[in-house]
Every structure is written in C-alpha cells, then in structure tokens.
Full PDB file with SEQRES, HELIX, SHEET, SSBOND, CRYST1, ORIGX, SCALE, CONECT and MASTER records, all heavy atoms in Angstrom:
SEQRES   1 A   31  ARG ALA ASP PHE VAL THR THR ALA VAL ARG THR GLY GLU          
SEQRES   2 A   31  ALA GLY ALA HIS GLY LEU SER LEU ILE VAL VAL PRO THR          
SEQRES   3 A   31  ASP THR PRO GLY PHE                                          
HELIX    1 AA1 ALA A   16  GLY A   18  5                                   3    
SHEET    1 AA1 2 PHE A   4  ARG A  10  0                                        
SHEET    2 AA1 2 LEU A  19  PRO A  25 -1                                        
CRYST1    1.000    1.000    1.000  90.00  90.00  90.00 P 1           1          
ORIGX1      1.000000  0.000000  0.000000        0.00000                         
ORIGX2      0.000000  1.000000  0.000000        0.00000                         
ORIGX3      0.000000  0.000000  1.000000        0.00000                         
SCALE1      1.000000  0.000000  0.000000        0.00000                         
SCALE2      0.000000  1.000000  0.000000        0.00000                         
SCALE3      0.000000  0.000000  1.000000        0.00000                         
ATOM      1  N   ARG A   1      23.012  -7.529  16.842  1.00  0.00           N  
ATOM      2  CA  ARG A   1      24.160  -8.180  16.201  1.00  0.00           C  
ATOM      3  C   ARG A   1      24.058  -8.232  14.692  1.00  0.00           C  
ATOM      4  O   ARG A   1      24.999  -8.649  14.016  1.00  0.00           O  
ATOM      5  CB  ARG A   1      24.285  -9.617  16.718  1.00  0.00           C  
ATOM      6  CG  ARG A   1      24.479  -9.759  18.212  1.00  0.00           C  
ATOM      7  CD  ARG A   1      24.473 -11.231  18.623  1.00  0.00           C  
ATOM      8  NE  ARG A   1      23.259 -11.883  18.180  1.00  0.00           N  
ATOM      9  CZ  ARG A   1      23.204 -13.095  17.635  1.00  0.00           C  
ATOM     10  NH1 ARG A   1      24.296 -13.808  17.490  1.00  0.00           N  
ATOM     11  NH2 ARG A   1      22.053 -13.607  17.259  1.00  0.00           N  
ATOM     12  N   ALA A   2      22.932  -7.832  14.129  1.00  0.00           N  
ATOM     13  CA  ALA A   2      22.666  -8.069  12.708  1.00  0.00           C  
ATOM     14  C   ALA A   2      23.654  -7.361  11.787  1.00  0.00           C  
ATOM     15  O   ALA A   2      24.076  -6.231  12.049  1.00  0.00           O  
ATOM     16  CB  ALA A   2      21.246  -7.630  12.361  1.00  0.00           C  
ATOM     17  N   ASP A   3      23.992  -8.039  10.689  1.00  0.00           N  
ATOM     18  CA  ASP A   3      24.791  -7.441   9.622  1.00  0.00           C  
ATOM     19  C   ASP A   3      23.909  -6.772   8.577  1.00  0.00           C  
ATOM     20  O   ASP A   3      24.373  -5.913   7.826  1.00  0.00           O  
ATOM     21  CB  ASP A   3      25.636  -8.515   8.937  1.00  0.00           C  
ATOM     22  CG  ASP A   3      26.606  -9.169   9.905  1.00  0.00           C  
ATOM     23  OD1 ASP A   3      27.490  -8.465  10.414  1.00  0.00           O  
ATOM     24  OD2 ASP A   3      26.465 -10.384  10.154  1.00  0.00           O  
ATOM     25  N   PHE A   4      22.636  -7.193   8.528  1.00  0.00           N  
ATOM     26  CA  PHE A   4      21.673  -6.560   7.620  1.00  0.00           C  
ATOM     27  C   PHE A   4      20.283  -6.735   8.195  1.00  0.00           C  
ATOM     28  O   PHE A   4      20.028  -7.647   8.996  1.00  0.00           O  
ATOM     29  CB  PHE A   4      21.734  -7.176   6.213  1.00  0.00           C  
ATOM     30  CG  PHE A   4      21.327  -8.626   6.147  1.00  0.00           C  
ATOM     31  CD1 PHE A   4      20.005  -8.995   5.898  1.00  0.00           C  
ATOM     32  CD2 PHE A   4      22.268  -9.637   6.329  1.00  0.00           C  
ATOM     33  CE1 PHE A   4      19.632 -10.334   5.841  1.00  0.00           C  
ATOM     34  CE2 PHE A   4      21.902 -10.972   6.281  1.00  0.00           C  
ATOM     35  CZ  PHE A   4      20.575 -11.321   6.031  1.00  0.00           C  
ATOM     36  N   VAL A   5      19.390  -5.829   7.815  1.00  0.00           N  
ATOM     37  CA  VAL A   5      18.007  -5.893   8.253  1.00  0.00           C  
ATOM     38  C   VAL A   5      17.107  -5.854   7.022  1.00  0.00           C  
ATOM     39  O   VAL A   5      17.151  -4.893   6.238  1.00  0.00           O  
ATOM     40  CB  VAL A   5      17.639  -4.728   9.192  1.00  0.00           C  
ATOM     41  CG1 VAL A   5      16.183  -4.853   9.650  1.00  0.00           C  
ATOM     42  CG2 VAL A   5      18.572  -4.678  10.396  1.00  0.00           C  
ATOM     43  N   THR A   6      16.330  -6.899   6.817  1.00  0.00           N  
ATOM     44  CA  THR A   6      15.318  -6.904   5.772  1.00  0.00           C  
ATOM     45  C   THR A   6      14.196  -6.009   6.285  1.00  0.00           C  
ATOM     46  O   THR A   6      13.432  -6.391   7.176  1.00  0.00           O  
ATOM     47  CB  THR A   6      14.810  -8.333   5.512  1.00  0.00           C  
ATOM     48  OG1 THR A   6      15.915  -9.149   5.115  1.00  0.00           O  
ATOM     49  CG2 THR A   6      13.750  -8.352   4.425  1.00  0.00           C  
ATOM     50  N   THR A   7      14.110  -4.810   5.740  1.00  0.00           N  
ATOM     51  CA  THR A   7      13.302  -3.747   6.329  1.00  0.00           C  
ATOM     52  C   THR A   7      12.041  -3.479   5.518  1.00  0.00           C  
ATOM     53  O   THR A   7      12.099  -3.275   4.300  1.00  0.00           O  
ATOM     54  CB  THR A   7      14.126  -2.451   6.428  1.00  0.00           C  
ATOM     55  OG1 THR A   7      15.338  -2.713   7.145  1.00  0.00           O  
ATOM     56  CG2 THR A   7      13.348  -1.366   7.142  1.00  0.00           C  
ATOM     57  N   ALA A   8      10.902  -3.455   6.227  1.00  0.00           N  
ATOM     58  CA  ALA A   8       9.632  -3.096   5.600  1.00  0.00           C  
ATOM     59  C   ALA A   8       9.495  -1.581   5.617  1.00  0.00           C  
ATOM     60  O   ALA A   8       9.623  -0.948   6.667  1.00  0.00           O  
ATOM     61  CB  ALA A   8       8.472  -3.747   6.336  1.00  0.00           C  
ATOM     62  N   VAL A   9       9.242  -1.009   4.448  1.00  0.00           N  
ATOM     63  CA  VAL A   9       9.175   0.450   4.307  1.00  0.00           C  
ATOM     64  C   VAL A   9       7.956   0.832   3.475  1.00  0.00           C  
ATOM     65  O   VAL A   9       7.417   0.019   2.721  1.00  0.00           O  
ATOM     66  CB  VAL A   9      10.450   1.008   3.625  1.00  0.00           C  
ATOM     67  CG1 VAL A   9      11.681   0.769   4.488  1.00  0.00           C  
ATOM     68  CG2 VAL A   9      10.643   0.377   2.243  1.00  0.00           C  
ATOM     69  N   ARG A  10       7.578   2.096   3.613  1.00  0.00           N  
ATOM     70  CA  ARG A  10       6.486   2.610   2.781  1.00  0.00           C  
ATOM     71  C   ARG A  10       7.082   3.327   1.569  1.00  0.00           C  
ATOM     72  O   ARG A  10       7.818   4.296   1.710  1.00  0.00           O  
ATOM     73  CB  ARG A  10       5.597   3.568   3.587  1.00  0.00           C  
ATOM     74  CG  ARG A  10       4.366   4.020   2.778  1.00  0.00           C  
ATOM     75  CD  ARG A  10       3.275   4.579   3.664  1.00  0.00           C  
ATOM     76  NE  ARG A  10       2.799   3.606   4.636  1.00  0.00           N  
ATOM     77  CZ  ARG A  10       1.996   2.580   4.343  1.00  0.00           C  
ATOM     78  NH1 ARG A  10       1.594   2.394   3.085  1.00  0.00           N  
ATOM     79  NH2 ARG A  10       1.621   1.736   5.275  1.00  0.00           N  
ATOM     80  N   THR A  11       6.766   2.809   0.396  1.00  0.00           N  
ATOM     81  CA  THR A  11       7.230   3.421  -0.857  1.00  0.00           C  
ATOM     82  C   THR A  11       6.074   3.972  -1.678  1.00  0.00           C  
ATOM     83  O   THR A  11       6.295   4.596  -2.718  1.00  0.00           O  
ATOM     84  CB  THR A  11       7.982   2.378  -1.711  1.00  0.00           C  
ATOM     85  OG1 THR A  11       7.193   1.178  -1.805  1.00  0.00           O  
ATOM     86  CG2 THR A  11       9.331   2.046  -1.107  1.00  0.00           C  
ATOM     87  N   GLY A  12       4.837   3.728  -1.221  1.00  0.00           N  
ATOM     88  CA  GLY A  12       3.681   4.163  -1.997  1.00  0.00           C  
ATOM     89  C   GLY A  12       2.570   4.681  -1.107  1.00  0.00           C  
ATOM     90  O   GLY A  12       2.808   5.267  -0.049  1.00  0.00           O  
ATOM     91  N   GLU A  13       1.354   4.429  -1.517  1.00  0.00           N  
ATOM     92  CA  GLU A  13       0.169   4.940  -0.830  1.00  0.00           C  
ATOM     93  C   GLU A  13      -0.001   4.333   0.548  1.00  0.00           C  
ATOM     94  O   GLU A  13       0.673   3.372   0.917  1.00  0.00           O  
ATOM     95  CB  GLU A  13      -1.069   4.616  -1.672  1.00  0.00           C  
ATOM     96  CG  GLU A  13      -1.284   3.110  -1.844  1.00  0.00           C  
ATOM     97  CD  GLU A  13      -2.419   2.785  -2.799  1.00  0.00           C  
ATOM     98  OE1 GLU A  13      -2.263   3.038  -4.001  1.00  0.00           O  
ATOM     99  OE2 GLU A  13      -3.455   2.288  -2.315  1.00  0.00           O  
ATOM    100  N   ALA A  14      -0.925   4.920   1.318  1.00  0.00           N  
ATOM    101  CA  ALA A  14      -1.226   4.390   2.643  1.00  0.00           C  
ATOM    102  C   ALA A  14      -1.848   3.006   2.521  1.00  0.00           C  
ATOM    103  O   ALA A  14      -2.477   2.667   1.522  1.00  0.00           O  
ATOM    104  CB  ALA A  14      -2.184   5.338   3.367  1.00  0.00           C  
ATOM    105  N   GLY A  15      -1.642   2.202   3.577  1.00  0.00           N  
ATOM    106  CA  GLY A  15      -2.224   0.867   3.581  1.00  0.00           C  
ATOM    107  C   GLY A  15      -1.287  -0.191   3.040  1.00  0.00           C  
ATOM    108  O   GLY A  15      -0.114   0.061   2.743  1.00  0.00           O  
ATOM    109  N   ALA A  16      -1.842  -1.396   2.864  1.00  0.00           N  
ATOM    110  CA  ALA A  16      -1.033  -2.553   2.488  1.00  0.00           C  
ATOM    111  C   ALA A  16      -0.417  -2.438   1.103  1.00  0.00           C  
ATOM    112  O   ALA A  16       0.623  -3.034   0.829  1.00  0.00           O  
ATOM    113  CB  ALA A  16      -1.893  -3.813   2.567  1.00  0.00           C  
ATOM    114  N   HIS A  17      -1.037  -1.683   0.202  1.00  0.00           N  
ATOM    115  CA  HIS A  17      -0.576  -1.656  -1.184  1.00  0.00           C  
ATOM    116  C   HIS A  17       0.668  -0.781  -1.401  1.00  0.00           C  
ATOM    117  O   HIS A  17       1.195  -0.754  -2.520  1.00  0.00           O  
ATOM    118  CB  HIS A  17      -1.699  -1.168  -2.101  1.00  0.00           C  
ATOM    119  CG  HIS A  17      -2.928  -2.018  -2.046  1.00  0.00           C  
ATOM    120  ND1 HIS A  17      -2.965  -3.301  -2.550  1.00  0.00           N  
ATOM    121  CD2 HIS A  17      -4.163  -1.785  -1.519  1.00  0.00           C  
ATOM    122  CE1 HIS A  17      -4.163  -3.815  -2.353  1.00  0.00           C  
ATOM    123  NE2 HIS A  17      -4.917  -2.923  -1.725  1.00  0.00           N  
ATOM    124  N   GLY A  18       1.119  -0.094  -0.350  1.00  0.00           N  
ATOM    125  CA  GLY A  18       2.247   0.815  -0.550  1.00  0.00           C  
ATOM    126  C   GLY A  18       3.522   0.409   0.152  1.00  0.00           C  
ATOM    127  O   GLY A  18       4.400   1.246   0.357  1.00  0.00           O  
ATOM    128  N   LEU A  19       3.666  -0.874   0.486  1.00  0.00           N  
ATOM    129  CA  LEU A  19       4.836  -1.330   1.234  1.00  0.00           C  
ATOM    130  C   LEU A  19       5.822  -2.088   0.355  1.00  0.00           C  
ATOM    131  O   LEU A  19       5.426  -2.778  -0.585  1.00  0.00           O  
ATOM    132  CB  LEU A  19       4.398  -2.235   2.392  1.00  0.00           C  
ATOM    133  CG  LEU A  19       3.397  -1.662   3.388  1.00  0.00           C  
ATOM    134  CD1 LEU A  19       3.142  -2.661   4.504  1.00  0.00           C  
ATOM    135  CD2 LEU A  19       3.876  -0.331   3.941  1.00  0.00           C  
ATOM    136  N   SER A  20       7.101  -1.949   0.706  1.00  0.00           N  
ATOM    137  CA  SER A  20       8.165  -2.676   0.016  1.00  0.00           C  
ATOM    138  C   SER A  20       9.134  -3.243   1.044  1.00  0.00           C  
ATOM    139  O   SER A  20       9.125  -2.848   2.213  1.00  0.00           O  
ATOM    140  CB  SER A  20       8.927  -1.740  -0.939  1.00  0.00           C  
ATOM    141  OG  SER A  20       8.082  -1.227  -1.947  1.00  0.00           O  
ATOM    142  N   LEU A  21       9.970  -4.172   0.594  1.00  0.00           N  
ATOM    143  CA  LEU A  21      11.028  -4.734   1.422  1.00  0.00           C  
ATOM    144  C   LEU A  21      12.381  -4.359   0.830  1.00  0.00           C  
ATOM    145  O   LEU A  21      12.616  -4.579  -0.367  1.00  0.00           O  
ATOM    146  CB  LEU A  21      10.903  -6.254   1.507  1.00  0.00           C  
ATOM    147  CG  LEU A  21       9.771  -6.812   2.356  1.00  0.00           C  
ATOM    148  CD1 LEU A  21       9.700  -8.331   2.218  1.00  0.00           C  
ATOM    149  CD2 LEU A  21       9.951  -6.439   3.828  1.00  0.00           C  
ATOM    150  N   ILE A  22      13.248  -3.800   1.653  1.00  0.00           N  
ATOM    151  CA  ILE A  22      14.578  -3.375   1.212  1.00  0.00           C  
ATOM    152  C   ILE A  22      15.607  -3.916   2.203  1.00  0.00           C  
ATOM    153  O   ILE A  22      15.411  -3.838   3.424  1.00  0.00           O  
ATOM    154  CB  ILE A  22      14.680  -1.839   1.133  1.00  0.00           C  
ATOM    155  CG1 ILE A  22      13.701  -1.291   0.087  1.00  0.00           C  
ATOM    156  CG2 ILE A  22      16.102  -1.404   0.815  1.00  0.00           C  
ATOM    157  CD1 ILE A  22      13.669   0.227   0.005  1.00  0.00           C  
ATOM    158  N   VAL A  23      16.689  -4.477   1.690  1.00  0.00           N  
ATOM    159  CA  VAL A  23      17.765  -4.986   2.545  1.00  0.00           C  
ATOM    160  C   VAL A  23      18.693  -3.830   2.910  1.00  0.00           C  
ATOM    161  O   VAL A  23      19.266  -3.179   2.031  1.00  0.00           O  
ATOM    162  CB  VAL A  23      18.558  -6.098   1.831  1.00  0.00           C  
ATOM    163  CG1 VAL A  23      19.620  -6.663   2.769  1.00  0.00           C  
ATOM    164  CG2 VAL A  23      17.633  -7.196   1.347  1.00  0.00           C  
ATOM    165  N   VAL A  24      18.839  -3.599   4.208  1.00  0.00           N  
ATOM    166  CA  VAL A  24      19.652  -2.480   4.693  1.00  0.00           C  
ATOM    167  C   VAL A  24      20.867  -3.030   5.438  1.00  0.00           C  
ATOM    168  O   VAL A  24      20.716  -3.613   6.523  1.00  0.00           O  
ATOM    169  CB  VAL A  24      18.836  -1.571   5.631  1.00  0.00           C  
ATOM    170  CG1 VAL A  24      19.702  -0.426   6.148  1.00  0.00           C  
ATOM    171  CG2 VAL A  24      17.601  -1.024   4.913  1.00  0.00           C  
ATOM    172  N   PRO A  25      22.084  -2.865   4.910  1.00  0.00           N  
ATOM    173  CA  PRO A  25      23.280  -3.253   5.671  1.00  0.00           C  
ATOM    174  C   PRO A  25      23.405  -2.371   6.910  1.00  0.00           C  
ATOM    175  O   PRO A  25      23.178  -1.154   6.840  1.00  0.00           O  
ATOM    176  CB  PRO A  25      24.431  -2.985   4.682  1.00  0.00           C  
ATOM    177  CG  PRO A  25      23.777  -2.869   3.340  1.00  0.00           C  
ATOM    178  CD  PRO A  25      22.406  -2.340   3.575  1.00  0.00           C  
ATOM    179  N   THR A  26      23.756  -2.955   8.034  1.00  0.00           N  
ATOM    180  CA  THR A  26      23.763  -2.193   9.273  1.00  0.00           C  
ATOM    181  C   THR A  26      24.955  -1.255   9.414  1.00  0.00           C  
ATOM    182  O   THR A  26      24.991  -0.450  10.354  1.00  0.00           O  
ATOM    183  CB  THR A  26      23.715  -3.142  10.483  1.00  0.00           C  
ATOM    184  OG1 THR A  26      24.814  -4.056  10.423  1.00  0.00           O  
ATOM    185  CG2 THR A  26      22.400  -3.921  10.494  1.00  0.00           C  
ATOM    186  N   ASP A  27      25.913  -1.334   8.494  1.00  0.00           N  
ATOM    187  CA  ASP A  27      27.017  -0.377   8.522  1.00  0.00           C  
ATOM    188  C   ASP A  27      26.743   0.831   7.639  1.00  0.00           C  
ATOM    189  O   ASP A  27      27.628   1.669   7.417  1.00  0.00           O  
ATOM    190  CB  ASP A  27      28.332  -1.046   8.116  1.00  0.00           C  
ATOM    191  CG  ASP A  27      28.310  -1.627   6.709  1.00  0.00           C  
ATOM    192  OD1 ASP A  27      27.249  -1.565   6.037  1.00  0.00           O  
ATOM    193  OD2 ASP A  27      29.355  -2.163   6.276  1.00  0.00           O  
ATOM    194  N   THR A  28      25.517   0.972   7.142  1.00  0.00           N  
ATOM    195  CA  THR A  28      25.144   2.111   6.310  1.00  0.00           C  
ATOM    196  C   THR A  28      25.038   3.371   7.166  1.00  0.00           C  
ATOM    197  O   THR A  28      24.399   3.339   8.229  1.00  0.00           O  
ATOM    198  CB  THR A  28      23.794   1.870   5.612  1.00  0.00           C  
ATOM    199  OG1 THR A  28      23.847   0.639   4.903  1.00  0.00           O  
ATOM    200  CG2 THR A  28      23.468   3.002   4.643  1.00  0.00           C  
ATOM    201  N   PRO A  29      25.646   4.491   6.755  1.00  0.00           N  
ATOM    202  CA  PRO A  29      25.524   5.740   7.530  1.00  0.00           C  
ATOM    203  C   PRO A  29      24.057   6.114   7.753  1.00  0.00           C  
ATOM    204  O   PRO A  29      23.232   6.017   6.842  1.00  0.00           O  
ATOM    205  CB  PRO A  29      26.233   6.772   6.637  1.00  0.00           C  
ATOM    206  CG  PRO A  29      27.228   5.975   5.861  1.00  0.00           C  
ATOM    207  CD  PRO A  29      26.549   4.653   5.588  1.00  0.00           C  
ATOM    208  N   GLY A  30      23.757   6.520   8.968  1.00  0.00           N  
ATOM    209  CA  GLY A  30      22.395   6.905   9.316  1.00  0.00           C  
ATOM    210  C   GLY A  30      21.605   5.797   9.976  1.00  0.00           C  
ATOM    211  O   GLY A  30      20.556   6.051  10.581  1.00  0.00           O  
ATOM    212  N   PHE A  31      22.091   4.556   9.861  1.00  0.00           N  
ATOM    213  CA  PHE A  31      21.447   3.432  10.551  1.00  0.00           C  
ATOM    214  C   PHE A  31      22.063   3.316  11.942  1.00  0.00           C  
ATOM    215  O   PHE A  31      23.280   3.275  12.091  1.00  0.00           O  
ATOM    216  CB  PHE A  31      21.651   2.131   9.786  1.00  0.00           C  
ATOM    217  CG  PHE A  31      21.085   0.921  10.500  1.00  0.00           C  
ATOM    218  CD1 PHE A  31      19.791   0.509  10.253  1.00  0.00           C  
ATOM    219  CD2 PHE A  31      21.848   0.219  11.435  1.00  0.00           C  
ATOM    220  CE1 PHE A  31      19.262  -0.594  10.917  1.00  0.00           C  
ATOM    221  CE2 PHE A  31      21.327  -0.873  12.103  1.00  0.00           C  
ATOM    222  CZ  PHE A  31      20.027  -1.278  11.837  1.00  0.00           C  
TER     223      PHE A  31                                                      
MASTER        0    0    0    1    2    0    0    6  222    1    0    3          
END                                                                             
C-alpha cells in the first residue's frame, strides 16, 4: 500500500560504509 519507500541502497564501497538512504515514490517508473 505504500506511497513511498525509504530505501537502503549501495552508493559506495562494499560493507557498511557504502550505504545510503533514498526516498522512492512508488509511482516511479521501474518500481
């Protein structure tokens, strides 16, 4: 039912130091 998903993604190196959080609206193409 979500209108958005606060999504954990990898934007950098492997491991904990390369993660970011991005808000993804669920009506975005490809989701």
